[in-house]
Amino acid sequence: MAELLGLVSGTAGLASLAIELLECAKKLERFHDDMHDAVAKLDNLIFDIETIKFTLQVLHRRRQQAAQSEQDEHIAMIMDRCIAVVERSLSSLQKTVAKVERHMQWSKR
């Protein structure tokens, strides 16, 4: 009888352990999926930042050309507005990058 009780207890313990292992595996799988999504998002963000950089370089050159040739002041106004939009976006991006850096520093501890 004691052997039967020991066998039942051992089986229940193994079942509990199996459930815990399954839960850990599911969490790791979700973490893996999140990391994969994060990498894709970072790749997209890097592409967007590079595109903004190239756009700003073109805008800067066009702005100088407009100033030198005294072209329509509307062109300069449009470029100034585009630059203002990018500057606002850059501010938000810098805050996000700082937040990610803080989180990565914290997670290294």
C-alpha atoms as a PDB file:
ATOM      1  CA  MET A   1       0.000   0.000   0.000  1.00  0.00           C
ATOM      2  CA  ALA A   2       2.856   2.368   0.856  1.00  0.00           C
ATOM      3  CA  GLU A   3       4.450   1.592  -2.489  1.00  0.00           C
ATOM      4  CA  LEU A   4       1.206   2.477  -4.291  1.00  0.00           C
ATOM      5  CA  LEU A   5       0.969   5.759  -2.376  1.00  0.00           C
ATOM      6  CA  GLY A   6       4.585   6.550  -3.244  1.00  0.00           C
ATOM      7  CA  LEU A   7       3.948   5.765  -6.903  1.00  0.00           C
ATOM      8  CA  VAL A   8       0.867   8.021  -7.009  1.00  0.00           C
ATOM      9  CA  SER A   9       2.782  10.846  -5.293  1.00  0.00           C
ATOM     10  CA  GLY A  10       5.686  10.466  -7.699  1.00  0.00           C
ATOM     11  CA  THR A  11       3.356  10.491 -10.695  1.00  0.00           C
ATOM     12  CA  ALA A  12       1.594  13.629  -9.432  1.00  0.00           C
ATOM     13  CA  GLY A  13       4.970  15.314  -8.913  1.00  0.00           C
ATOM     14  CA  LEU A  14       6.066  14.423 -12.443  1.00  0.00           C
ATOM     15  CA  ALA A  15       2.778  15.696 -13.877  1.00  0.00           C
ATOM     16  CA  SER A  16       3.246  18.997 -12.028  1.00  0.00           C
ATOM     17  CA  LEU A  17       6.814  19.262 -13.277  1.00  0.00           C
ATOM     18  CA  ALA A  18       5.662  18.543 -16.837  1.00  0.00           C
ATOM     19  CA  ILE A  19       3.050  21.306 -16.612  1.00  0.00           C
ATOM     20  CA  GLU A  20       5.641  23.775 -15.343  1.00  0.00           C
ATOM     21  CA  LEU A  21       8.040  22.812 -18.143  1.00  0.00           C
ATOM     22  CA  LEU A  22       5.291  23.259 -20.726  1.00  0.00           C
ATOM     23  CA  GLU A  23       4.467  26.716 -19.344  1.00  0.00           C
ATOM     24  CA  CYS A  24       8.154  27.689 -19.510  1.00  0.00           C
ATOM     25  CA  ALA A  25       8.367  26.443 -23.089  1.00  0.00           C
ATOM     26  CA  LYS A  26       5.313  28.510 -24.064  1.00  0.00           C
ATOM     27  CA  LYS A  27       6.800  31.622 -22.438  1.00  0.00           C
ATOM     28  CA  LEU A  28      10.101  31.089 -24.243  1.00  0.00           C
ATOM     29  CA  GLU A  29       8.261  30.651 -27.529  1.00  0.00           C
ATOM     30  CA  ARG A  30       6.375  33.943 -26.977  1.00  0.00           C
ATOM     31  CA  PHE A  31       9.654  35.638 -26.062  1.00  0.00           C
ATOM     32  CA  HIS A  32      11.256  34.279 -29.237  1.00  0.00           C
ATOM     33  CA  ASP A  33       8.344  35.567 -31.332  1.00  0.00           C
ATOM     34  CA  ASP A  34       8.551  38.979 -29.646  1.00  0.00           C
ATOM     35  CA  MET A  35      12.285  39.141 -30.295  1.00  0.00           C
ATOM     36  CA  HIS A  36      11.766  38.203 -33.931  1.00  0.00           C
ATOM     37  CA  ASP A  37       9.154  40.977 -34.240  1.00  0.00           C
ATOM     38  CA  ALA A  38      11.515  43.420 -32.513  1.00  0.00           C
ATOM     39  CA  VAL A  39      14.305  42.658 -34.991  1.00  0.00           C
ATOM     40  CA  ALA A  40      11.960  43.242 -37.931  1.00  0.00           C
ATOM     41  CA  LYS A  41      10.738  46.502 -36.369  1.00  0.00           C
ATOM     42  CA  LEU A  42      14.302  47.656 -35.794  1.00  0.00           C
ATOM     43  CA  ASP A  43      15.207  46.862 -39.396  1.00  0.00           C
ATOM     44  CA  ASN A  44      12.243  48.948 -40.572  1.00  0.00           C
ATOM     45  CA  LEU A  45      13.173  51.762 -38.225  1.00  0.00           C
ATOM     46  CA  ILE A  46      16.770  51.800 -39.451  1.00  0.00           C
ATOM     47  CA  PHE A  47      15.522  51.940 -43.039  1.00  0.00           C
ATOM     48  CA  ASP A  48      13.196  54.850 -42.166  1.00  0.00           C
ATOM     49  CA  ILE A  49      15.982  56.742 -40.408  1.00  0.00           C
ATOM     50  CA  GLU A  50      18.327  56.294 -43.361  1.00  0.00           C
ATOM     51  CA  THR A  51      15.573  57.503 -45.714  1.00  0.00           C
ATOM     52  CA  ILE A  52      15.010  60.583 -43.558  1.00  0.00           C
ATOM     53  CA  LYS A  53      18.753  61.256 -43.565  1.00  0.00           C
ATOM     54  CA  PHE A  54      18.905  61.139 -47.371  1.00  0.00           C
ATOM     55  CA  THR A  55      15.795  63.310 -47.617  1.00  0.00           C
ATOM     56  CA  LEU A  56      17.295  65.906 -45.293  1.00  0.00           C
ATOM     57  CA  GLN A  57      20.470  65.990 -47.352  1.00  0.00           C
ATOM     58  CA  VAL A  58      18.455  66.641 -50.517  1.00  0.00           C
ATOM     59  CA  LEU A  59      16.322  69.259 -48.762  1.00  0.00           C
ATOM     60  CA  HIS A  60      19.437  71.015 -47.527  1.00  0.00           C
ATOM     61  CA  ARG A  61      20.921  71.156 -51.035  1.00  0.00           C
ATOM     62  CA  ARG A  62      17.624  72.353 -52.538  1.00  0.00           C
ATOM     63  CA  ARG A  63      17.300  74.983 -49.861  1.00  0.00           C
ATOM     64  CA  GLN A  64      20.760  76.314 -50.653  1.00  0.00           C
ATOM     65  CA  GLN A  65      20.005  76.310 -54.370  1.00  0.00           C
ATOM     66  CA  ALA A  66      16.743  78.182 -53.787  1.00  0.00           C
ATOM     67  CA  ALA A  67      18.572  80.789 -51.697  1.00  0.00           C
ATOM     68  CA  GLN A  68      21.255  81.226 -54.354  1.00  0.00           C
ATOM     69  CA  SER A  69      18.844  81.530 -57.271  1.00  0.00           C
ATOM     70  CA  GLU A  70      16.179  83.467 -55.349  1.00  0.00           C
ATOM     71  CA  GLN A  71      13.511  80.948 -56.320  1.00  0.00           C
ATOM     72  CA  ASP A  72       9.969  81.157 -55.079  1.00  0.00           C
ATOM     73  CA  GLU A  73       9.858  81.608 -51.301  1.00  0.00           C
ATOM     74  CA  HIS A  74       7.145  78.928 -51.135  1.00  0.00           C
ATOM     75  CA  ILE A  75       9.807  76.301 -51.831  1.00  0.00           C
ATOM     76  CA  ALA A  76      11.823  77.487 -48.851  1.00  0.00           C
ATOM     77  CA  MET A  77       8.686  77.517 -46.677  1.00  0.00           C
ATOM     78  CA  ILE A  78       7.791  73.941 -47.682  1.00  0.00           C
ATOM     79  CA  MET A  79      11.316  72.763 -46.961  1.00  0.00           C
ATOM     80  CA  ASP A  80      11.312  74.497 -43.582  1.00  0.00           C
ATOM     81  CA  ARG A  81       8.066  72.738 -42.701  1.00  0.00           C
ATOM     82  CA  CYS A  82       9.453  69.356 -43.796  1.00  0.00           C
ATOM     83  CA  ILE A  83      12.536  69.937 -41.678  1.00  0.00           C
ATOM     84  CA  ALA A  84      10.367  70.888 -38.682  1.00  0.00           C
ATOM     85  CA  VAL A  85       8.378  67.646 -39.057  1.00  0.00           C
ATOM     86  CA  VAL A  86      11.593  65.624 -39.191  1.00  0.00           C
ATOM     87  CA  GLU A  87      12.985  67.430 -36.149  1.00  0.00           C
ATOM     88  CA  ARG A  88       9.849  66.570 -34.152  1.00  0.00           C
ATOM     89  CA  SER A  89      10.094  62.955 -35.273  1.00  0.00           C
ATOM     90  CA  LEU A  90      13.774  62.904 -34.371  1.00  0.00           C
ATOM     91  CA  SER A  91      12.991  64.117 -30.868  1.00  0.00           C
ATOM     92  CA  SER A  92      10.505  61.296 -30.398  1.00  0.00           C
ATOM     93  CA  LEU A  93      12.963  58.804 -31.866  1.00  0.00           C
ATOM     94  CA  GLN A  94      15.746  59.960 -29.539  1.00  0.00           C
ATOM     95  CA  LYS A  95      13.457  59.447 -26.533  1.00  0.00           C
ATOM     96  CA  THR A  96      12.597  55.950 -27.739  1.00  0.00           C
ATOM     97  CA  VAL A  97      16.251  55.054 -28.300  1.00  0.00           C
ATOM     98  CA  ALA A  98      17.148  56.358 -24.831  1.00  0.00           C
ATOM     99  CA  LYS A  99      14.360  54.255 -23.326  1.00  0.00           C
ATOM    100  CA  VAL A 100      15.593  51.137 -25.134  1.00  0.00           C
ATOM    101  CA  GLU A 101      19.168  51.824 -24.012  1.00  0.00           C
ATOM    102  CA  ARG A 102      18.040  52.173 -20.379  1.00  0.00           C
ATOM    103  CA  HIS A 103      16.085  48.940 -20.631  1.00  0.00           C
ATOM    104  CA  MET A 104      19.063  47.116 -22.136  1.00  0.00           C
ATOM    105  CA  GLN A 105      21.370  48.447 -19.403  1.00  0.00           C
ATOM    106  CA  TRP A 106      18.888  47.286 -16.770  1.00  0.00           C
ATOM    107  CA  SER A 107      18.528  43.840 -18.349  1.00  0.00           C
ATOM    108  CA  LYS A 108      22.321  43.328 -18.369  1.00  0.00           C
ATOM    109  CA  ARG A 109      22.418  43.524 -14.577  1.00  0.00           C
END
